């Protein structure tokens, strides 16, 4: 959600894509969303509106520093654990496959994930904005389904029933 407002989370790090997210509802049922998650997806909006516990997440981000541009794709858990998508890791200088994974693992575990967590924890403004985001999700869903409801009612009024009367006339 924060990515939408400010993908550049610090001088070097930019969130690129929320590839997937898992959610757990109040009844402890889980749902997994894949293939890009954003505020245009009703099932994601529902998870936000219902205040589901979200995570782990699958994210992509880039790092620009003096060494160049590095990119990372990983599944990040709330406890800081992570799983690297090897195909989603790149560095400006060629690294052998073994060195690529060792370098990425070390950099993520000891530098980047703690830094991302620290930035998140320091973002006091986000905590107060959380309620606003939930309300926005609810409003968006309400608008979406009001329009869908009206369109369905219109189709039902325009569609003749089996006995030749309009469905609206039979009510």
C-alpha atoms as a PDB file:
ATOM      1  CA  UNK A   1       0.000   0.000   0.000  1.00  0.00           C
ATOM      2  CA  UNK A   2       2.830   2.369   0.799  1.00  0.00           C
ATOM      3  CA  UNK A   3       4.372   1.599  -2.595  1.00  0.00           C
ATOM      4  CA  UNK A   4       1.468   3.342  -4.305  1.00  0.00           C
ATOM      5  CA  UNK A   5       2.180   6.625  -2.541  1.00  0.00           C
ATOM      6  CA  UNK A   6       5.957   6.600  -2.307  1.00  0.00           C
ATOM      7  CA  UNK A   7       7.794   3.807  -4.122  1.00  0.00           C
ATOM      8  CA  UNK A   8      11.159   5.485  -3.380  1.00  0.00           C
ATOM      9  CA  UNK A   9      11.471   4.478   0.265  1.00  0.00           C
ATOM     10  CA  UNK A  10      14.902   5.985   0.817  1.00  0.00           C
ATOM     11  CA  UNK A  11      17.812   7.411  -1.155  1.00  0.00           C
ATOM     12  CA  UNK A  12      18.803   4.016  -2.577  1.00  0.00           C
ATOM     13  CA  UNK A  13      15.777   1.723  -2.351  1.00  0.00           C
ATOM     14  CA  UNK A  14      12.723   1.778  -4.579  1.00  0.00           C
ATOM     15  CA  UNK A  15       9.852  -0.682  -4.311  1.00  0.00           C
ATOM     16  CA  UNK A  16       9.131  -1.962  -7.775  1.00  0.00           C
ATOM     17  CA  UNK A  17       6.281  -4.443  -7.582  1.00  0.00           C
ATOM     18  CA  UNK A  18       4.098  -6.266  -5.101  1.00  0.00           C
ATOM     19  CA  UNK A  19       4.024  -9.621  -6.886  1.00  0.00           C
ATOM     20  CA  UNK A  20       1.914 -11.475  -4.354  1.00  0.00           C
ATOM     21  CA  UNK A  21       0.559 -11.396  -0.840  1.00  0.00           C
ATOM     22  CA  UNK A  22      -0.977 -13.866   1.558  1.00  0.00           C
ATOM     23  CA  UNK A  23      -3.701 -12.866   3.946  1.00  0.00           C
ATOM     24  CA  UNK A  24      -5.335 -14.425   6.976  1.00  0.00           C
ATOM     25  CA  UNK A  25      -8.849 -13.380   7.963  1.00  0.00           C
ATOM     26  CA  UNK A  26     -10.418 -13.231  11.421  1.00  0.00           C
ATOM     27  CA  UNK A  27     -11.465 -16.899  11.103  1.00  0.00           C
ATOM     28  CA  UNK A  28      -7.818 -17.840  10.411  1.00  0.00           C
ATOM     29  CA  UNK A  29      -8.552 -18.739   6.761  1.00  0.00           C
ATOM     30  CA  UNK A  30      -5.821 -17.881   4.297  1.00  0.00           C
ATOM     31  CA  UNK A  31      -5.923 -16.509   0.791  1.00  0.00           C
ATOM     32  CA  UNK A  32      -3.065 -15.977  -1.631  1.00  0.00           C
ATOM     33  CA  UNK A  33      -3.076 -13.252  -4.271  1.00  0.00           C
ATOM     34  CA  UNK A  34      -0.621 -13.555  -7.157  1.00  0.00           C
ATOM     35  CA  UNK A  35       0.365 -11.795 -10.371  1.00  0.00           C
ATOM     36  CA  UNK A  36       0.651  -8.206  -9.177  1.00  0.00           C
ATOM     37  CA  UNK A  37      -1.344  -6.880  -6.267  1.00  0.00           C
ATOM     38  CA  UNK A  38      -2.638  -3.318  -6.141  1.00  0.00           C
ATOM     39  CA  UNK A  39      -5.636  -1.240  -5.142  1.00  0.00           C
ATOM     40  CA  UNK A  40      -7.508  -2.105  -8.321  1.00  0.00           C
ATOM     41  CA  UNK A  41      -8.004  -5.732  -7.238  1.00  0.00           C
ATOM     42  CA  UNK A  42     -11.283  -6.279  -5.390  1.00  0.00           C
ATOM     43  CA  UNK A  43      -9.996  -9.281  -3.443  1.00  0.00           C
ATOM     44  CA  UNK A  44      -7.068  -7.201  -2.157  1.00  0.00           C
ATOM     45  CA  UNK A  45      -9.410  -4.320  -1.291  1.00  0.00           C
ATOM     46  CA  UNK A  46     -11.594  -6.786   0.607  1.00  0.00           C
ATOM     47  CA  UNK A  47      -8.610  -8.058   2.585  1.00  0.00           C
ATOM     48  CA  UNK A  48      -7.692  -4.452   3.461  1.00  0.00           C
ATOM     49  CA  UNK A  49     -11.293  -3.489   4.293  1.00  0.00           C
ATOM     50  CA  UNK A  50     -11.669  -6.555   6.519  1.00  0.00           C
ATOM     51  CA  UNK A  51      -8.345  -5.713   8.242  1.00  0.00           C
ATOM     52  CA  UNK A  52      -6.958  -9.155   7.413  1.00  0.00           C
ATOM     53  CA  UNK A  53      -3.452  -9.940   8.565  1.00  0.00           C
ATOM     54  CA  UNK A  54      -1.372  -9.494   5.432  1.00  0.00           C
ATOM     55  CA  UNK A  55       1.842 -11.358   4.743  1.00  0.00           C
ATOM     56  CA  UNK A  56       4.106 -12.867   3.776  1.00  0.00           C
ATOM     57  CA  UNK A  57       4.566 -10.704   0.703  1.00  0.00           C
ATOM     58  CA  UNK A  58       6.370 -11.249  -2.565  1.00  0.00           C
ATOM     59  CA  UNK A  59       8.123  -8.040  -3.521  1.00  0.00           C
ATOM     60  CA  UNK A  60      10.545  -6.719  -6.080  1.00  0.00           C
ATOM     61  CA  UNK A  61      12.749  -3.745  -5.374  1.00  0.00           C
ATOM     62  CA  UNK A  62      15.823  -2.060  -6.765  1.00  0.00           C
ATOM     63  CA  UNK A  63      18.823  -0.507  -5.116  1.00  0.00           C
ATOM     64  CA  UNK A  64      20.796   2.289  -6.773  1.00  0.00           C
ATOM     65  CA  UNK A  65      24.125   3.094  -5.155  1.00  0.00           C
ATOM     66  CA  UNK A  66      27.714   3.902  -6.153  1.00  0.00           C
ATOM     67  CA  UNK A  67      28.196   0.305  -7.372  1.00  0.00           C
ATOM     68  CA  UNK A  68      25.235   0.575  -9.769  1.00  0.00           C
ATOM     69  CA  UNK A  69      21.755  -0.915  -9.889  1.00  0.00           C
ATOM     70  CA  UNK A  70      20.902  -4.153  -8.091  1.00  0.00           C
ATOM     71  CA  UNK A  71      17.482  -5.771  -8.152  1.00  0.00           C
ATOM     72  CA  UNK A  72      15.829  -8.295  -5.866  1.00  0.00           C
ATOM     73  CA  UNK A  73      12.716 -10.464  -5.874  1.00  0.00           C
ATOM     74  CA  UNK A  74      11.852 -12.245  -2.674  1.00  0.00           C
ATOM     75  CA  UNK A  75       9.141 -13.550  -0.403  1.00  0.00           C
ATOM     76  CA  UNK A  76       9.361 -11.607   2.847  1.00  0.00           C
ATOM     77  CA  UNK A  77       7.850 -12.868   6.098  1.00  0.00           C
ATOM     78  CA  UNK A  78       6.778 -10.677   9.011  1.00  0.00           C
ATOM     79  CA  UNK A  79       9.541 -12.125  11.198  1.00  0.00           C
ATOM     80  CA  UNK A  80      12.199 -10.997   8.686  1.00  0.00           C
ATOM     81  CA  UNK A  81      12.684 -14.415   7.148  1.00  0.00           C
ATOM     82  CA  UNK A  82      12.887 -14.478   3.382  1.00  0.00           C
ATOM     83  CA  UNK A  83      13.147 -16.683   0.324  1.00  0.00           C
ATOM     84  CA  UNK A  84      15.030 -15.342  -2.664  1.00  0.00           C
ATOM     85  CA  UNK A  85      13.795 -15.740  -6.221  1.00  0.00           C
ATOM     86  CA  UNK A  86      17.152 -16.408  -7.901  1.00  0.00           C
ATOM     87  CA  UNK A  87      15.907 -15.287 -11.329  1.00  0.00           C
ATOM     88  CA  UNK A  88      14.899 -11.964  -9.792  1.00  0.00           C
ATOM     89  CA  UNK A  89      18.324 -11.055  -8.425  1.00  0.00           C
ATOM     90  CA  UNK A  90      20.811  -9.056 -10.434  1.00  0.00           C
ATOM     91  CA  UNK A  91      23.923  -7.031  -9.732  1.00  0.00           C
ATOM     92  CA  UNK A  92      25.744  -4.531 -11.947  1.00  0.00           C
ATOM     93  CA  UNK A  93      28.815  -6.769 -12.128  1.00  0.00           C
ATOM     94  CA  UNK A  94      28.630 -10.386 -13.230  1.00  0.00           C
ATOM     95  CA  UNK A  95      28.674 -12.853 -10.348  1.00  0.00           C
ATOM     96  CA  UNK A  96      28.779 -16.631 -10.616  1.00  0.00           C
ATOM     97  CA  UNK A  97      25.560 -18.343  -9.530  1.00  0.00           C
ATOM     98  CA  UNK A  98      27.083 -19.345  -6.188  1.00  0.00           C
ATOM     99  CA  UNK A  99      28.451 -15.856  -5.508  1.00  0.00           C
ATOM    100  CA  UNK A 100      25.172 -14.268  -6.631  1.00  0.00           C
ATOM    101  CA  UNK A 101      23.176 -16.170  -4.023  1.00  0.00           C
ATOM    102  CA  UNK A 102      25.768 -15.734  -1.268  1.00  0.00           C
ATOM    103  CA  UNK A 103      26.024 -11.999  -1.940  1.00  0.00           C
ATOM    104  CA  UNK A 104      22.254 -11.533  -2.177  1.00  0.00           C
ATOM    105  CA  UNK A 105      21.594 -13.601   0.966  1.00  0.00           C
ATOM    106  CA  UNK A 106      24.154 -11.679   2.991  1.00  0.00           C
ATOM    107  CA  UNK A 107      23.043  -8.272   1.697  1.00  0.00           C
ATOM    108  CA  UNK A 108      19.354  -9.013   2.279  1.00  0.00           C
ATOM    109  CA  UNK A 109      19.764 -10.603   5.711  1.00  0.00           C
ATOM    110  CA  UNK A 110      22.199  -8.147   7.244  1.00  0.00           C
ATOM    111  CA  UNK A 111      21.539  -4.895   5.441  1.00  0.00           C
ATOM    112  CA  UNK A 112      18.474  -4.497   3.239  1.00  0.00           C
ATOM    113  CA  UNK A 113      15.690  -6.278   5.127  1.00  0.00           C
ATOM    114  CA  UNK A 114      16.682  -4.725   8.471  1.00  0.00           C
ATOM    115  CA  UNK A 115      16.787  -1.364   6.701  1.00  0.00           C
ATOM    116  CA  UNK A 116      13.336  -1.851   5.157  1.00  0.00           C
ATOM    117  CA  UNK A 117      11.952  -2.936   8.543  1.00  0.00           C
ATOM    118  CA  UNK A 118      13.520   0.087  10.216  1.00  0.00           C
ATOM    119  CA  UNK A 119      12.049   2.449   7.624  1.00  0.00           C
ATOM    120  CA  UNK A 120       8.640   0.841   8.126  1.00  0.00           C
ATOM    121  CA  UNK A 121       8.878   1.060  11.938  1.00  0.00           C
ATOM    122  CA  UNK A 122       9.945   4.718  11.764  1.00  0.00           C
ATOM    123  CA  UNK A 123       7.009   5.675   9.572  1.00  0.00           C
ATOM    124  CA  UNK A 124       4.703   6.952  12.331  1.00  0.00           C
ATOM    125  CA  UNK A 125       2.575   8.828   9.777  1.00  0.00           C
ATOM    126  CA  UNK A 126       1.701   5.533   8.110  1.00  0.00           C
ATOM    127  CA  UNK A 127       0.143   4.137  11.276  1.00  0.00           C
ATOM    128  CA  UNK A 128      -2.284   7.060  11.481  1.00  0.00           C
ATOM    129  CA  UNK A 129      -2.996   6.722   7.753  1.00  0.00           C
ATOM    130  CA  UNK A 130      -3.881   3.035   8.145  1.00  0.00           C
ATOM    131  CA  UNK A 131      -7.525   3.797   9.036  1.00  0.00           C
ATOM    132  CA  UNK A 132      -7.793   6.122   6.036  1.00  0.00           C
ATOM    133  CA  UNK A 133      -6.501   3.357   3.748  1.00  0.00           C
ATOM    134  CA  UNK A 134      -9.081   0.919   5.152  1.00  0.00           C
ATOM    135  CA  UNK A 135     -11.848   3.484   4.608  1.00  0.00           C
ATOM    136  CA  UNK A 136     -10.647   4.101   1.041  1.00  0.00           C
ATOM    137  CA  UNK A 137     -10.778   0.357   0.356  1.00  0.00           C
ATOM    138  CA  UNK A 138     -14.314   0.188   1.721  1.00  0.00           C
ATOM    139  CA  UNK A 139     -15.422   3.193  -0.343  1.00  0.00           C
ATOM    140  CA  UNK A 140     -13.900   1.752  -3.500  1.00  0.00           C
ATOM    141  CA  UNK A 141     -15.625  -1.591  -2.934  1.00  0.00           C
ATOM    142  CA  UNK A 142     -18.945   0.118  -2.174  1.00  0.00           C
ATOM    143  CA  UNK A 143     -18.733   2.157  -5.395  1.00  0.00           C
ATOM    144  CA  UNK A 144     -17.681  -0.858  -7.427  1.00  0.00           C
ATOM    145  CA  UNK A 145     -20.502  -3.059  -6.201  1.00  0.00           C
ATOM    146  CA  UNK A 146     -23.127  -0.302  -6.308  1.00  0.00           C
ATOM    147  CA  UNK A 147     -22.328   0.134  -9.999  1.00  0.00           C
ATOM    148  CA  UNK A 148     -22.361  -3.627 -10.577  1.00  0.00           C
ATOM    149  CA  UNK A 149     -25.648  -3.928  -8.683  1.00  0.00           C
ATOM    150  CA  UNK A 150     -27.261  -1.147 -10.718  1.00  0.00           C
ATOM    151  CA  UNK A 151     -26.027  -2.669 -13.988  1.00  0.00           C
ATOM    152  CA  UNK A 152     -27.399  -6.076 -13.014  1.00  0.00           C
ATOM    153  CA  UNK A 153     -30.760  -4.597 -12.053  1.00  0.00           C
ATOM    154  CA  UNK A 154     -30.871  -2.758 -15.401  1.00  0.00           C
ATOM    155  CA  UNK A 155     -30.114  -5.974 -17.305  1.00  0.00           C
ATOM    156  CA  UNK A 156     -32.834  -7.774 -15.362  1.00  0.00           C
ATOM    157  CA  UNK A 157     -35.375  -5.024 -16.158  1.00  0.00           C
ATOM    158  CA  UNK A 158     -34.444  -5.120 -19.850  1.00  0.00           C
ATOM    159  CA  UNK A 159     -34.485  -8.910 -20.084  1.00  0.00           C
ATOM    160  CA  UNK A 160     -37.842 -10.553 -20.788  1.00  0.00           C
ATOM    161  CA  UNK A 161     -38.811 -13.374 -18.434  1.00  0.00           C
ATOM    162  CA  UNK A 162     -39.987 -16.770 -19.655  1.00  0.00           C
ATOM    163  CA  UNK A 163     -43.641 -15.694 -19.678  1.00  0.00           C
ATOM    164  CA  UNK A 164     -42.956 -12.588 -21.750  1.00  0.00           C
ATOM    165  CA  UNK A 165     -43.127 -10.111 -18.835  1.00  0.00           C
ATOM    166  CA  UNK A 166     -40.180  -8.095 -17.686  1.00  0.00           C
ATOM    167  CA  UNK A 167     -38.619  -9.426 -14.507  1.00  0.00           C
ATOM    168  CA  UNK A 168     -39.184  -6.040 -12.855  1.00  0.00           C
ATOM    169  CA  UNK A 169     -42.913  -6.264 -13.700  1.00  0.00           C
ATOM    170  CA  UNK A 170     -43.241  -9.660 -12.055  1.00  0.00           C
ATOM    171  CA  UNK A 171     -42.066  -8.354  -8.675  1.00  0.00           C
END
